[in-house]
Amino acid sequence: MTHPPGGPSTPPPPSGPRKPIKPIDPDSPGGRAAAEALSQVLAEIHVAVAQRRAARQQRKAA
């Protein structure tokens, strides 16, 4: 698949009626589990970014 010269295009937003979102109670077991899962994902992203930065610095130094 090829993209236009300006890069890939942004897909259109989903069509249809929007469903209301019910917030999760942060003090419920489900809320705590969701917070823990989000924290884990954010930590993994942080580590991946740090590894990429370190690799880039090593390539520049070489």
N, C-alpha and C. Protein backbone atom coordinates (compact mmCIF):
# COMPACT_ATOMS: atom_id res chain seq x y z
N MET A 1 0.84 -1.17 0.00
CA MET A 1 0.00 0.00 0.00
C MET A 1 0.89 1.23 0.00
N THR A 2 0.56 2.18 -0.82
CA THR A 2 1.33 3.41 -0.87
C THR A 2 0.54 4.54 -0.24
N HIS A 3 1.24 5.50 0.27
CA HIS A 3 0.62 6.66 0.90
C HIS A 3 0.88 7.89 0.06
N PRO A 4 0.03 8.90 0.17
CA PRO A 4 0.29 10.14 -0.56
C PRO A 4 1.59 10.78 -0.08
N PRO A 5 2.16 11.71 -0.86
CA PRO A 5 3.44 12.31 -0.50
C PRO A 5 3.46 12.93 0.89
N GLY A 6 2.33 13.41 1.37
CA GLY A 6 2.29 14.03 2.70
C GLY A 6 2.25 13.03 3.83
N GLY A 7 2.23 11.76 3.55
CA GLY A 7 2.17 10.74 4.59
C GLY A 7 0.80 10.07 4.59
N PRO A 8 0.62 9.12 5.49
CA PRO A 8 -0.66 8.42 5.53
C PRO A 8 -1.79 9.36 5.93
N SER A 9 -2.96 9.12 5.39
CA SER A 9 -4.10 9.97 5.71
C SER A 9 -4.75 9.50 7.01
N THR A 10 -5.46 10.39 7.63
CA THR A 10 -6.16 10.07 8.87
C THR A 10 -7.50 9.43 8.51
N PRO A 11 -7.82 8.29 9.12
CA PRO A 11 -9.09 7.66 8.79
C PRO A 11 -10.25 8.50 9.33
N PRO A 12 -11.42 8.39 8.71
CA PRO A 12 -12.56 9.16 9.20
C PRO A 12 -13.02 8.62 10.55
N PRO A 13 -13.68 9.44 11.34
CA PRO A 13 -14.17 8.96 12.63
C PRO A 13 -15.26 7.91 12.42
N PRO A 14 -15.47 7.04 13.40
CA PRO A 14 -16.51 6.03 13.23
C PRO A 14 -17.88 6.67 13.08
N SER A 15 -18.72 6.06 12.27
CA SER A 15 -20.05 6.61 12.06
C SER A 15 -21.03 5.95 13.02
N GLY A 16 -22.20 6.52 13.11
CA GLY A 16 -23.23 5.96 13.97
C GLY A 16 -23.33 6.72 15.27
N PRO A 17 -24.35 6.41 16.04
CA PRO A 17 -24.53 7.13 17.30
C PRO A 17 -23.45 6.76 18.31
N ARG A 18 -23.08 7.73 19.09
CA ARG A 18 -22.08 7.48 20.13
C ARG A 18 -22.78 6.91 21.36
N LYS A 19 -22.15 5.94 21.96
CA LYS A 19 -22.71 5.33 23.16
C LYS A 19 -22.15 6.06 24.37
N PRO A 20 -22.97 6.27 25.38
CA PRO A 20 -22.46 6.92 26.58
C PRO A 20 -21.42 6.02 27.26
N ILE A 21 -20.43 6.66 27.84
CA ILE A 21 -19.37 5.94 28.53
C ILE A 21 -19.61 6.05 30.02
N LYS A 22 -19.67 4.91 30.68
CA LYS A 22 -19.87 4.90 32.12
C LYS A 22 -18.50 4.85 32.80
N PRO A 23 -18.16 5.85 33.62
CA PRO A 23 -16.85 5.85 34.26
C PRO A 23 -16.69 4.67 35.23
N ILE A 24 -15.45 4.25 35.40
CA ILE A 24 -15.14 3.18 36.34
C ILE A 24 -14.89 3.81 37.70
N ASP A 25 -15.48 3.24 38.73
CA ASP A 25 -15.22 3.71 40.09
C ASP A 25 -13.78 3.33 40.45
N PRO A 26 -12.91 4.31 40.72
CA PRO A 26 -11.51 3.98 40.99
C PRO A 26 -11.31 3.17 42.26
N ASP A 27 -12.30 3.17 43.14
CA ASP A 27 -12.16 2.41 44.39
C ASP A 27 -12.73 1.01 44.30
N SER A 28 -13.32 0.66 43.16
CA SER A 28 -13.86 -0.68 42.99
C SER A 28 -12.74 -1.63 42.56
N PRO A 29 -12.94 -2.93 42.72
CA PRO A 29 -11.91 -3.87 42.25
C PRO A 29 -11.61 -3.70 40.76
N GLY A 30 -12.64 -3.46 39.95
CA GLY A 30 -12.42 -3.25 38.52
C GLY A 30 -11.63 -1.99 38.24
N GLY A 31 -11.92 -0.94 39.00
CA GLY A 31 -11.19 0.31 38.84
C GLY A 31 -9.73 0.17 39.22
N ARG A 32 -9.48 -0.54 40.31
CA ARG A 32 -8.08 -0.75 40.73
C ARG A 32 -7.34 -1.62 39.72
N ALA A 33 -8.03 -2.63 39.18
CA ALA A 33 -7.40 -3.50 38.17
C ALA A 33 -7.09 -2.70 36.90
N ALA A 34 -8.01 -1.82 36.51
CA ALA A 34 -7.78 -0.99 35.32
C ALA A 34 -6.61 -0.05 35.54
N ALA A 35 -6.53 0.54 36.73
CA ALA A 35 -5.42 1.44 37.03
C ALA A 35 -4.09 0.70 37.03
N GLU A 36 -4.07 -0.50 37.57
CA GLU A 36 -2.84 -1.30 37.60
C GLU A 36 -2.42 -1.68 36.17
N ALA A 37 -3.38 -2.07 35.35
CA ALA A 37 -3.07 -2.43 33.96
C ALA A 37 -2.53 -1.22 33.20
N LEU A 38 -3.15 -0.06 33.40
CA LEU A 38 -2.68 1.15 32.73
C LEU A 38 -1.28 1.52 33.20
N SER A 39 -1.02 1.40 34.50
CA SER A 39 0.31 1.69 35.03
C SER A 39 1.36 0.77 34.41
N GLN A 40 1.01 -0.50 34.25
CA GLN A 40 1.95 -1.46 33.66
C GLN A 40 2.26 -1.09 32.21
N VAL A 41 1.24 -0.75 31.45
CA VAL A 41 1.45 -0.37 30.04
C VAL A 41 2.30 0.89 29.95
N LEU A 42 2.01 1.88 30.79
CA LEU A 42 2.79 3.12 30.76
C LEU A 42 4.25 2.85 31.14
N ALA A 43 4.48 1.97 32.10
CA ALA A 43 5.86 1.62 32.47
C ALA A 43 6.58 0.95 31.31
N GLU A 44 5.89 0.06 30.60
CA GLU A 44 6.51 -0.61 29.45
C GLU A 44 6.84 0.39 28.35
N ILE A 45 5.96 1.35 28.11
CA ILE A 45 6.23 2.39 27.11
C ILE A 45 7.43 3.22 27.53
N HIS A 46 7.50 3.57 28.80
CA HIS A 46 8.62 4.37 29.32
C HIS A 46 9.94 3.63 29.10
N VAL A 47 9.97 2.34 29.39
CA VAL A 47 11.19 1.55 29.20
C VAL A 47 11.55 1.48 27.73
N ALA A 48 10.57 1.28 26.85
CA ALA A 48 10.84 1.19 25.42
C ALA A 48 11.41 2.50 24.89
N VAL A 49 10.87 3.63 25.34
CA VAL A 49 11.38 4.94 24.91
C VAL A 49 12.81 5.12 25.40
N ALA A 50 13.08 4.76 26.64
CA ALA A 50 14.43 4.90 27.18
C ALA A 50 15.42 4.02 26.41
N GLN A 51 15.01 2.81 26.05
CA GLN A 51 15.89 1.92 25.29
C GLN A 51 16.17 2.49 23.90
N ARG A 52 15.17 3.05 23.26
CA ARG A 52 15.38 3.65 21.93
C ARG A 52 16.31 4.85 22.01
N ARG A 53 16.14 5.66 23.04
CA ARG A 53 17.02 6.82 23.19
C ARG A 53 18.46 6.38 23.44
N ALA A 54 18.64 5.37 24.28
CA ALA A 54 19.98 4.87 24.56
C ALA A 54 20.61 4.30 23.29
N ALA A 55 19.84 3.56 22.51
CA ALA A 55 20.37 2.99 21.27
C ALA A 55 20.75 4.09 20.29
N ARG A 56 19.94 5.14 20.22
CA ARG A 56 20.24 6.26 19.32
C ARG A 56 21.53 6.95 19.77
N GLN A 57 21.71 7.13 21.07
CA GLN A 57 22.92 7.76 21.56
C GLN A 57 24.15 6.90 21.26
N GLN A 58 24.01 5.58 21.37
CA GLN A 58 25.13 4.69 21.06
C GLN A 58 25.49 4.77 19.58
N ARG A 59 24.48 4.85 18.72
CA ARG A 59 24.76 4.96 17.28
C ARG A 59 25.44 6.28 16.96
N LYS A 60 25.03 7.35 17.63
CA LYS A 60 25.66 8.65 17.39
C LYS A 60 27.10 8.65 17.86
N ALA A 61 27.38 7.96 18.97
CA ALA A 61 28.72 7.94 19.53
C ALA A 61 29.66 7.06 18.69
N ALA A 62 29.11 6.11 17.97
CA ALA A 62 29.95 5.19 17.18
C ALA A 62 30.49 5.83 15.93
